[in-house]
Structures are given as C-alpha cells and as structure tokens.
Amino acid sequence: MTIIDKLATSLGRKDEAPNQELAQYIASEDDRGAVKELVDNLYNRDKNIQSDCIKVLYEIGDFKPSLIAEYVNEFVALLDHRNNRLVWGAMTALDAITLENPEAIYSTLAKIVDVADNGSVITRDHGVRILIKLCSVQPYADHAFDLLVQQLKICPTNQLPMYAENAVSIVNDANRAVFIETLLSRLDDIEKDTKRKRVEKLIKKLS
C-alpha cells in the first residue's frame, strides 16, 4: 500500500482517526519518503486527498516538526490556494515548524501576515502563533513584536484574550509598556464581560 492508500478518504472513512494514526506512524518511523509523497499529493485531482494530505502533514508537524521543516516554500505556496482547507492547513503546518526553521518562516512573514489578515479564524490564529514564536527568536524579535501588536490592535475581540494570553511568555521589560498600552486601547471594544475580564486580569498581572 502507498501512503495515499492509507488516508481516510482512500479507506472510505469520514473521520480523521486514520489520518492522525498515519501521522503518528510516519513521525515515529522518521519516514521522509512518506512525507514527500504527501507533499507531492497536495495538488492531487481529488480534493479530499488534498485535504487529507495537509491534515497528515500538520499532524506530523505536531509530533516531529523537523520532518516537514524543509517544505516551508510548499506550504507558503498553498496560502494562495482557492481551497480554504488547504490555506488554513498550510498555516497550521507553518506554525508547527516556526521554531524548527525560523529563518525560512521569517523570510516569508509578509505573506503570512497578509493571509492571516484576510483569512479564516483558524488561519489568523496560527498566523498570530507564528508571530509569538518569532518574538522568542532574537534576530526577529523586534519586528515580530511590532507585527504582533498590530494584530492585537485589529483582531476581532473574540480572539483578543486568547492572543494576549498566548503572548505573555514573550513580554519583557523592554516591550511590557507597549503590550499593556495596546490591550488597554482595546478594552472599550470588547462587548462580552467574560472576554473583557480576561484581558483586564492580564493587564493587572503584567502591571
């Protein structure tokens, strides 16, 4: 059986369990040939196979990011795809390999941010996660933090508490004031009490 034969679609399954199990197996076996076969089939004529391939690839990224880290360009190319499943799947894969290959991710950051700005909630979520991770990599920290602040200023208020909480780990003495000021500027925008209280709690913690 080829790797494609083991995908959920090929097995006639509607659930994701076969894809998750396949990803775990490929990661445990360090099977780079299987990874290449999945990448090669991202443009398969069958959209279901495309979707299964990106699913397995980003799941592999969760288990063993080094296995998919060389395919940054292939994932970035998918950000322009008409199939939204491939767009947010590619962003999820890029998120998984950010700390494995930060230089390559940083070189495509303008594209990543643009797609995050205009994409689905999941696409934006992973775009912001990429920025937060790059904030922890010294050569890219300042620029990534500036872009992160822009995201905090314009993101939907539903996402703001989560983004802010996820970013706490990269707040330091040099950027703390800007971070707090950014959150304060959004408080009046937040309609839901529970969301506002999460942000207020965070501001208090950081102050």
Protein backbone atom coordinates (compact mmCIF):
# COMPACT_ATOMS: atom_id res chain seq x y z
CA MET A 1 0.00 0.00 0.00
CA THR A 2 1.14 3.53 -0.73
CA ILE A 3 0.78 6.29 1.85
CA ILE A 4 -2.16 7.67 -0.15
CA ASP A 5 -3.94 4.31 0.21
CA LYS A 6 -3.83 4.77 4.00
CA LEU A 7 -5.59 8.16 4.04
CA ALA A 8 -9.09 8.39 5.49
CA THR A 9 -10.57 9.14 2.06
CA SER A 10 -8.91 6.13 0.47
CA LEU A 11 -10.23 3.93 3.28
CA GLY A 12 -13.76 5.27 2.84
CA ARG A 13 -13.69 6.85 6.30
CA LYS A 14 -15.42 10.12 7.22
CA ASP A 15 -13.48 10.65 10.48
CA GLU A 16 -9.92 11.87 10.98
CA ALA A 17 -8.64 8.93 13.05
CA PRO A 18 -6.82 7.20 10.14
CA ASN A 19 -5.03 10.45 9.25
CA GLN A 20 -3.97 11.06 12.85
CA GLU A 21 -2.76 7.48 13.24
CA LEU A 22 -0.87 7.72 9.94
CA ALA A 23 0.82 10.95 11.04
CA GLN A 24 1.91 9.37 14.31
CA TYR A 25 3.26 6.33 12.47
CA ILE A 26 5.21 8.40 9.91
CA ALA A 27 6.68 10.55 12.69
CA SER A 28 7.69 7.54 14.78
CA GLU A 29 9.33 5.88 11.76
CA ASP A 30 11.01 9.13 10.64
CA ASP A 31 9.67 8.31 7.17
CA ARG A 32 10.79 11.18 4.93
CA GLY A 33 9.68 9.32 1.81
CA ALA A 34 6.13 9.24 3.14
CA VAL A 35 6.29 12.97 3.87
CA LYS A 36 7.41 13.68 0.30
CA GLU A 37 4.56 11.56 -1.06
CA LEU A 38 2.08 13.59 0.99
CA VAL A 39 3.58 16.89 -0.20
CA ASP A 40 3.51 15.68 -3.83
CA ASN A 41 -0.22 14.95 -3.47
CA LEU A 42 -1.22 18.36 -2.12
CA TYR A 43 -2.31 19.11 -5.70
CA ASN A 44 -3.96 15.74 -6.29
CA ARG A 45 -7.05 15.97 -8.54
CA ASP A 46 -9.15 14.64 -5.65
CA LYS A 47 -9.83 17.49 -3.20
CA ASN A 48 -10.45 15.00 -0.39
CA ILE A 49 -6.96 13.59 -0.86
CA GLN A 50 -5.53 17.13 -0.85
CA SER A 51 -7.31 17.78 2.46
CA ASP A 52 -6.16 14.50 3.99
CA CYS A 53 -2.56 15.13 2.92
CA ILE A 54 -2.38 18.58 4.55
CA LYS A 55 -4.05 17.16 7.66
CA VAL A 56 -1.46 14.39 7.98
CA LEU A 57 1.37 16.83 7.31
CA TYR A 58 0.45 19.31 10.02
CA GLU A 59 -0.23 16.46 12.44
CA ILE A 60 3.30 15.19 11.69
CA GLY A 61 4.45 18.73 12.46
CA ASP A 62 2.94 18.39 15.93
CA PHE A 63 4.74 15.12 16.59
CA LYS A 64 8.05 15.82 14.81
CA PRO A 65 8.36 19.27 13.16
CA SER A 66 11.81 18.51 11.77
CA LEU A 67 10.21 16.02 9.35
CA ILE A 68 8.26 18.72 7.50
CA ALA A 69 10.51 21.74 8.14
CA GLU A 70 12.10 21.68 4.68
CA TYR A 71 8.75 22.27 2.96
CA VAL A 72 8.23 25.89 4.01
CA ASN A 73 8.00 27.08 0.39
CA GLU A 74 5.44 24.42 -0.48
CA PHE A 75 3.26 25.41 2.47
CA VAL A 76 3.59 29.12 1.72
CA ALA A 77 2.53 28.46 -1.89
CA LEU A 78 -0.68 26.87 -0.57
CA LEU A 79 -1.61 30.13 1.17
CA ASP A 80 -2.85 31.36 -2.23
CA HIS A 81 -4.95 28.25 -2.87
CA ARG A 82 -8.67 28.56 -3.63
CA ASN A 83 -9.41 25.68 -1.26
CA ASN A 84 -9.65 27.27 2.20
CA ARG A 85 -8.97 23.90 3.86
CA LEU A 86 -5.52 23.93 2.29
CA VAL A 87 -4.94 27.56 3.26
CA TRP A 88 -5.55 27.14 6.98
CA GLY A 89 -3.94 23.69 6.91
CA ALA A 90 -0.78 25.19 5.42
CA MET A 91 -0.77 27.95 8.05
CA THR A 92 -1.12 25.28 10.75
CA ALA A 93 1.90 23.44 9.28
CA LEU A 94 3.92 26.68 9.15
CA ASP A 95 3.06 27.32 12.78
CA ALA A 96 4.29 23.82 13.68
CA ILE A 97 7.71 24.38 12.08
CA THR A 98 8.34 28.03 13.03
CA LEU A 99 10.89 27.27 15.74
CA GLU A 100 12.40 24.46 13.65
CA ASN A 101 13.12 26.75 10.69
CA PRO A 102 12.65 30.36 11.91
CA GLU A 103 14.84 31.93 9.23
CA ALA A 104 12.74 30.50 6.39
CA ILE A 105 9.49 31.42 8.14
CA TYR A 106 10.69 34.96 8.78
CA SER A 107 11.65 35.40 5.12
CA THR A 108 8.00 34.80 4.14
CA LEU A 109 6.46 36.75 7.03
CA ALA A 110 4.89 39.50 4.90
CA LYS A 111 2.90 36.85 3.03
CA ILE A 112 1.95 35.03 6.22
CA VAL A 113 0.64 38.21 7.87
CA ASP A 114 -1.26 39.27 4.76
CA VAL A 115 -3.02 35.92 4.53
CA ALA A 116 -3.72 35.92 8.28
CA ASP A 117 -5.31 39.37 8.00
CA ASN A 118 -7.67 38.24 5.27
CA GLY A 119 -8.18 34.59 6.16
CA SER A 120 -10.42 32.49 8.36
CA VAL A 121 -10.31 32.49 12.16
CA ILE A 122 -8.09 29.39 12.17
CA THR A 123 -5.74 30.98 9.63
CA ARG A 124 -5.39 34.10 11.76
CA ASP A 125 -4.98 32.07 14.97
CA HIS A 126 -1.98 30.25 13.55
CA GLY A 127 -0.59 33.41 11.97
CA VAL A 128 -0.56 35.06 15.40
CA ARG A 129 1.02 31.95 16.94
CA ILE A 130 3.80 32.21 14.35
CA LEU A 131 4.43 35.84 15.33
CA ILE A 132 4.53 34.96 19.03
CA LYS A 133 7.07 32.21 18.37
CA LEU A 134 9.25 34.53 16.27
CA CYS A 135 9.19 37.03 19.15
CA SER A 136 11.25 34.46 21.08
CA VAL A 137 13.95 34.28 18.37
CA GLN A 138 16.39 37.13 18.96
CA PRO A 139 17.19 38.31 15.40
CA TYR A 140 13.47 38.54 14.56
CA ALA A 141 12.01 39.51 17.94
CA ASP A 142 11.60 43.28 17.46
CA HIS A 143 9.96 43.11 14.04
CA ALA A 144 7.77 40.17 15.02
CA PHE A 145 6.64 42.02 18.15
CA ASP A 146 5.68 45.11 16.11
CA LEU A 147 3.59 42.89 13.82
CA LEU A 148 2.06 41.12 16.83
CA VAL A 149 1.00 44.47 18.33
CA GLN A 150 -0.68 45.33 15.02
CA GLN A 151 -2.60 42.06 15.20
CA LEU A 152 -3.69 42.80 18.77
CA LYS A 153 -4.94 46.20 17.62
CA ILE A 154 -7.05 44.92 14.72
CA CYS A 155 -8.04 41.35 15.60
CA PRO A 156 -11.68 40.51 16.42
CA THR A 157 -12.36 41.00 20.14
CA ASN A 158 -13.41 37.34 20.40
CA GLN A 159 -9.84 36.32 19.68
CA LEU A 160 -8.08 39.09 21.63
CA PRO A 161 -7.99 37.44 25.10
CA MET A 162 -6.53 34.21 23.71
CA TYR A 163 -3.91 36.03 21.63
CA ALA A 164 -2.90 38.19 24.58
CA GLU A 165 -2.70 35.24 26.97
CA ASN A 166 -0.63 33.23 24.49
CA ALA A 167 1.77 36.16 24.09
CA VAL A 168 2.51 36.63 27.81
CA SER A 169 5.58 34.41 27.54
CA ILE A 170 7.34 36.91 25.23
CA VAL A 171 6.51 40.04 27.23
CA ASN A 172 9.64 41.51 28.81
CA ASP A 173 10.83 44.77 30.41
CA ALA A 174 11.52 46.30 27.00
CA ASN A 175 8.10 45.68 25.45
CA ARG A 176 5.81 45.45 28.50
CA ALA A 177 4.57 49.06 28.36
CA VAL A 178 3.61 48.84 24.68
CA PHE A 179 1.90 45.50 25.23
CA ILE A 180 -0.18 46.80 28.15
CA GLU A 181 -1.00 50.05 26.32
CA THR A 182 -2.22 48.04 23.32
CA LEU A 183 -4.53 45.93 25.48
CA LEU A 184 -5.85 48.99 27.30
CA SER A 185 -6.71 50.60 23.96
CA ARG A 186 -8.97 47.64 23.09
CA LEU A 187 -10.92 47.33 26.36
CA ASP A 188 -13.82 49.54 25.24
CA ASP A 189 -14.19 47.43 22.07
CA ILE A 190 -14.85 44.21 24.00
CA GLU A 191 -18.58 43.69 24.42
CA LYS A 192 -18.55 40.38 26.29
CA ASP A 193 -17.86 40.79 30.02
CA THR A 194 -16.06 37.44 30.26
CA LYS A 195 -13.66 38.39 27.44
CA ARG A 196 -13.02 41.87 28.90
CA LYS A 197 -12.32 40.44 32.35
CA ARG A 198 -9.72 38.07 30.89
CA VAL A 199 -7.89 41.00 29.31
CA GLU A 200 -8.20 43.15 32.46
CA LYS A 201 -6.81 40.29 34.54
CA LEU A 202 -3.86 40.01 32.18
CA ILE A 203 -3.18 43.76 32.31
CA LYS A 204 -3.24 43.64 36.12
CA LYS A 205 -0.87 40.68 36.14
CA LEU A 206 1.62 42.44 33.86
CA SER A 207 1.42 45.87 35.51
